[in-house]
């Protein structure tokens, strides 16, 4: 079975790049044959990581008009690849791309061709939570994809202490297509957060921690983190 994974969110600053970064390393860690693509027209951070070798396909122009030829190239690449794919969709191009993919039945075509299509969405707490929940509802309402929810605690608690995402109305409505929730608890910004930022800023993966000259304190903070995330993805069968 082929599996295509799309990291999607219509607003920047909610952890989508972080989710993509972790998802990519999950597949690399498992030695999966994976095709990586970055579709962001203006901030192609994903394709700048040398170890990933992601293909940059700008699917919209600067005015966010869909480039049909570029999207066709992306779709063809995914269809022809033998196993796994990870596609990072830029937040600015989210709406035009989702409209295009939905109107053209692209996800349905992939599924008819034997693909498992999974959309990965970060869910954060704070003022943005309501908008993100509505965004998740809109994706599931207008497509037949499966979904992985990444509950990112960076902005504070996502759910109330007495509740869980599985208790929400949204889960009750679409639970059969939600593969699971990956929990990213809030960490100390000046320590763990700074260590992760340094890796992302230098376009490095967690494997860089194995280098002899990597700072010991940062290495210690990051040592157990990836295995906890990867175990959650295993439980979601991703």
Protein backbone atom coordinates (compact mmCIF):
# COMPACT_ATOMS: atom_id res chain seq x y z
CA UNK A 1 0.00 0.00 0.00
CA UNK A 2 1.15 3.53 -0.79
CA UNK A 3 0.80 6.21 1.87
CA UNK A 4 0.84 9.97 1.26
CA UNK A 5 1.14 12.30 4.25
CA UNK A 6 0.22 15.97 3.97
CA UNK A 7 1.05 18.49 6.69
CA UNK A 8 -1.57 21.21 6.44
CA UNK A 9 -2.68 24.31 8.32
CA UNK A 10 -4.01 27.64 7.11
CA UNK A 11 -2.20 29.74 9.70
CA UNK A 12 1.50 30.10 10.40
CA UNK A 13 3.12 29.89 13.81
CA UNK A 14 1.17 26.87 15.10
CA UNK A 15 3.90 24.25 14.70
CA UNK A 16 3.30 22.91 11.18
CA UNK A 17 6.99 23.03 10.26
CA UNK A 18 7.80 21.28 13.55
CA UNK A 19 5.26 18.55 12.75
CA UNK A 20 6.72 18.09 9.26
CA UNK A 21 10.23 17.93 10.74
CA UNK A 22 9.20 15.15 13.15
CA UNK A 23 7.15 13.26 10.58
CA UNK A 24 10.04 13.22 8.11
CA UNK A 25 12.41 11.86 10.74
CA UNK A 26 9.93 9.13 11.63
CA UNK A 27 10.12 7.79 8.07
CA UNK A 28 13.88 8.24 7.85
CA UNK A 29 14.27 6.41 11.18
CA UNK A 30 12.29 3.48 9.76
CA UNK A 31 14.34 3.45 6.54
CA UNK A 32 11.17 3.88 4.51
CA UNK A 33 11.48 4.69 0.82
CA UNK A 34 9.96 8.17 1.02
CA UNK A 35 9.35 10.99 -1.44
CA UNK A 36 9.53 14.45 0.16
CA UNK A 37 8.05 17.61 -1.36
CA UNK A 38 7.84 21.22 -0.20
CA UNK A 39 5.07 23.25 -1.89
CA UNK A 40 5.45 26.55 -0.04
CA UNK A 41 5.86 29.34 -2.65
CA UNK A 42 7.64 31.78 -0.31
CA UNK A 43 9.10 29.91 2.70
CA UNK A 44 10.50 26.66 1.36
CA UNK A 45 12.21 25.71 4.64
CA UNK A 46 11.54 22.01 4.28
CA UNK A 47 13.48 21.70 1.02
CA UNK A 48 16.54 23.41 2.54
CA UNK A 49 17.44 20.42 4.74
CA UNK A 50 20.28 18.63 2.87
CA UNK A 51 19.62 15.27 4.58
CA UNK A 52 15.99 15.24 3.45
CA UNK A 53 16.52 16.01 -0.23
CA UNK A 54 12.97 17.32 -0.56
CA UNK A 55 11.78 18.48 -3.96
CA UNK A 56 10.57 22.08 -4.04
CA UNK A 57 7.42 22.43 -6.13
CA UNK A 58 5.86 25.88 -5.83
CA UNK A 59 2.19 25.12 -6.47
CA UNK A 60 1.07 28.77 -6.45
CA UNK A 61 2.52 32.02 -7.70
CA UNK A 62 3.20 35.05 -5.48
CA UNK A 63 -0.44 36.12 -5.82
CA UNK A 64 -1.52 32.62 -4.68
CA UNK A 65 -2.97 31.61 -8.02
CA UNK A 66 -2.72 27.86 -8.60
CA UNK A 67 0.02 26.76 -10.98
CA UNK A 68 -1.78 23.85 -12.66
CA UNK A 69 1.37 22.48 -14.25
CA UNK A 70 3.22 22.46 -10.92
CA UNK A 71 0.36 20.71 -9.13
CA UNK A 72 0.19 18.11 -11.92
CA UNK A 73 3.93 17.49 -11.46
CA UNK A 74 3.44 17.02 -7.72
CA UNK A 75 0.49 14.65 -8.21
CA UNK A 76 2.42 12.63 -10.80
CA UNK A 77 5.45 12.37 -8.50
CA UNK A 78 3.32 11.06 -5.64
CA UNK A 79 1.42 8.63 -7.87
CA UNK A 80 4.60 7.19 -9.37
CA UNK A 81 6.48 6.81 -6.09
CA UNK A 82 6.46 3.26 -4.80
CA UNK A 83 5.73 3.70 -1.10
CA UNK A 84 5.61 6.71 1.20
CA UNK A 85 5.45 10.45 0.61
CA UNK A 86 5.46 13.54 2.82
CA UNK A 87 4.18 16.81 1.39
CA UNK A 88 4.55 20.06 3.32
CA UNK A 89 1.83 22.51 2.26
CA UNK A 90 2.61 26.17 2.94
CA UNK A 91 0.18 28.04 5.19
CA UNK A 92 -0.23 30.91 2.67
CA UNK A 93 -1.20 28.52 -0.13
CA UNK A 94 -3.48 26.44 2.09
CA UNK A 95 -6.85 27.73 0.88
CA UNK A 96 -6.18 27.75 -2.90
CA UNK A 97 -4.48 24.35 -2.73
CA UNK A 98 -7.23 22.74 -0.64
CA UNK A 99 -9.89 24.18 -2.94
CA UNK A 100 -8.05 22.88 -5.99
CA UNK A 101 -7.43 19.41 -4.57
CA UNK A 102 -11.03 19.13 -3.37
CA UNK A 103 -12.63 20.38 -6.60
CA UNK A 104 -10.48 18.08 -8.72
CA UNK A 105 -11.01 15.06 -6.50
CA UNK A 106 -7.25 14.59 -6.17
CA UNK A 107 -7.36 12.84 -2.79
CA UNK A 108 -10.13 10.53 -4.02
CA UNK A 109 -8.06 9.68 -7.10
CA UNK A 110 -5.10 8.77 -4.91
CA UNK A 111 -7.29 6.52 -2.76
CA UNK A 112 -8.76 4.83 -5.83
CA UNK A 113 -5.16 4.16 -6.90
CA UNK A 114 -4.44 2.37 -3.60
CA UNK A 115 -3.04 5.25 -1.55
CA UNK A 116 -3.76 5.82 2.09
CA UNK A 117 -4.08 9.61 2.29
CA UNK A 118 -3.35 11.12 5.70
CA UNK A 119 -3.59 14.82 6.52
CA UNK A 120 -1.59 15.94 9.57
CA UNK A 121 -2.87 19.01 11.40
CA UNK A 122 -1.39 20.76 14.48
CA UNK A 123 -3.95 21.70 17.12
CA UNK A 124 -2.92 24.39 19.60
CA UNK A 125 -4.44 25.95 22.69
CA UNK A 126 -5.03 29.60 23.38
CA UNK A 127 -7.00 32.03 21.19
CA UNK A 128 -6.25 30.09 17.99
CA UNK A 129 -7.88 26.85 19.18
CA UNK A 130 -11.38 27.60 17.90
CA UNK A 131 -10.13 28.53 14.43
CA UNK A 132 -7.99 25.39 14.27
CA UNK A 133 -10.91 23.17 15.28
CA UNK A 134 -13.01 24.77 12.55
CA UNK A 135 -10.18 24.19 10.09
CA UNK A 136 -10.00 20.50 11.00
CA UNK A 137 -13.78 20.20 10.66
CA UNK A 138 -13.64 21.84 7.22
CA UNK A 139 -10.94 19.48 5.94
CA UNK A 140 -12.78 16.37 7.11
CA UNK A 141 -16.15 17.68 5.90
CA UNK A 142 -14.91 18.39 2.38
CA UNK A 143 -12.62 15.41 1.82
CA UNK A 144 -12.53 11.67 2.55
CA UNK A 145 -8.98 11.68 3.93
CA UNK A 146 -7.81 10.19 7.19
CA UNK A 147 -6.23 12.52 9.72
CA UNK A 148 -3.53 12.64 12.38
CA UNK A 149 -4.03 15.30 15.05
CA UNK A 150 -0.89 16.79 16.60
CA UNK A 151 -1.87 18.28 19.95
CA UNK A 152 0.82 20.92 20.40
CA UNK A 153 1.02 22.29 23.94
CA UNK A 154 3.45 25.08 23.07
CA UNK A 155 0.76 27.76 23.53
CA UNK A 156 -0.65 26.17 26.68
CA UNK A 157 -3.16 23.43 27.38
CA UNK A 158 -5.08 22.41 24.26
CA UNK A 159 -7.89 20.65 26.10
CA UNK A 160 -9.28 21.22 29.58
CA UNK A 161 -7.82 18.91 32.23
CA UNK A 162 -11.06 16.93 32.52
CA UNK A 163 -11.51 16.42 28.77
CA UNK A 164 -9.75 14.72 25.91
CA UNK A 165 -9.88 15.26 22.15
CA UNK A 166 -11.82 11.99 21.87
CA UNK A 167 -14.61 13.65 23.89
CA UNK A 168 -15.11 16.51 21.44
CA UNK A 169 -18.05 16.87 19.10
CA UNK A 170 -15.63 16.90 16.18
CA UNK A 171 -14.23 13.48 17.14
CA UNK A 172 -17.73 12.12 17.58
CA UNK A 173 -18.49 13.26 14.04
CA UNK A 174 -15.33 12.06 12.29
CA UNK A 175 -13.71 9.62 14.72
CA UNK A 176 -13.71 6.80 12.17
CA UNK A 177 -11.26 8.81 10.04
CA UNK A 178 -9.04 10.18 12.82
CA UNK A 179 -6.11 7.79 13.22
CA UNK A 180 -5.09 9.19 16.58
CA UNK A 181 -3.58 12.07 18.50
CA UNK A 182 0.15 12.76 18.85
CA UNK A 183 0.77 14.69 22.05
CA UNK A 184 3.52 17.32 22.09
CA UNK A 185 3.54 18.61 25.68
CA UNK A 186 4.59 22.14 26.55
CA UNK A 187 8.34 22.32 27.14
CA UNK A 188 10.57 24.98 28.63
CA UNK A 189 11.09 27.51 25.86
CA UNK A 190 14.51 28.71 26.98
CA UNK A 191 15.99 25.18 27.16
CA UNK A 192 14.25 22.50 25.11
CA UNK A 193 12.64 25.06 22.81
CA UNK A 194 15.97 26.75 22.15
CA UNK A 195 17.64 23.41 21.39
CA UNK A 196 14.98 22.50 18.83
CA UNK A 197 15.09 26.00 17.33
CA UNK A 198 18.86 25.71 16.86
CA UNK A 199 18.43 22.48 14.88
CA UNK A 200 15.64 23.90 12.74
CA UNK A 201 17.51 27.16 12.16
CA UNK A 202 20.61 25.28 10.99
CA UNK A 203 18.47 22.93 8.85
CA UNK A 204 19.56 19.88 10.85
CA UNK A 205 17.75 16.70 11.89
CA UNK A 206 17.84 15.07 15.31
CA UNK A 207 20.57 12.76 14.01
CA UNK A 208 22.92 15.75 14.36
CA UNK A 209 22.87 15.09 18.10
CA UNK A 210 25.12 12.07 17.48
CA UNK A 211 27.98 14.29 16.32
CA UNK A 212 30.90 14.38 18.74
CA UNK A 213 30.97 18.18 18.82
CA UNK A 214 27.23 18.57 19.50
CA UNK A 215 26.67 20.48 22.79
CA UNK A 216 26.19 17.96 25.61
CA UNK A 217 23.39 19.85 27.39
CA UNK A 218 21.31 20.13 24.22
CA UNK A 219 21.94 16.48 23.36
CA UNK A 220 20.78 15.42 26.82
CA UNK A 221 17.53 17.41 26.48
CA UNK A 222 16.75 15.92 23.06
CA UNK A 223 17.80 12.29 23.67
CA UNK A 224 14.46 10.74 24.67
CA UNK A 225 12.16 13.12 22.84
CA UNK A 226 12.01 11.51 19.36
CA UNK A 227 11.34 7.96 20.57
CA UNK A 228 8.26 9.16 22.47
CA UNK A 229 6.90 10.83 19.34
CA UNK A 230 7.70 7.86 17.09
CA UNK A 231 5.92 5.46 19.48
CA UNK A 232 2.78 7.59 19.23
CA UNK A 233 3.00 7.51 15.43
CA UNK A 234 3.37 3.73 15.56
CA UNK A 235 0.18 3.56 17.62
CA UNK A 236 -1.54 5.60 14.91
CA UNK A 237 -0.09 3.23 12.26
CA UNK A 238 1.80 6.03 10.58
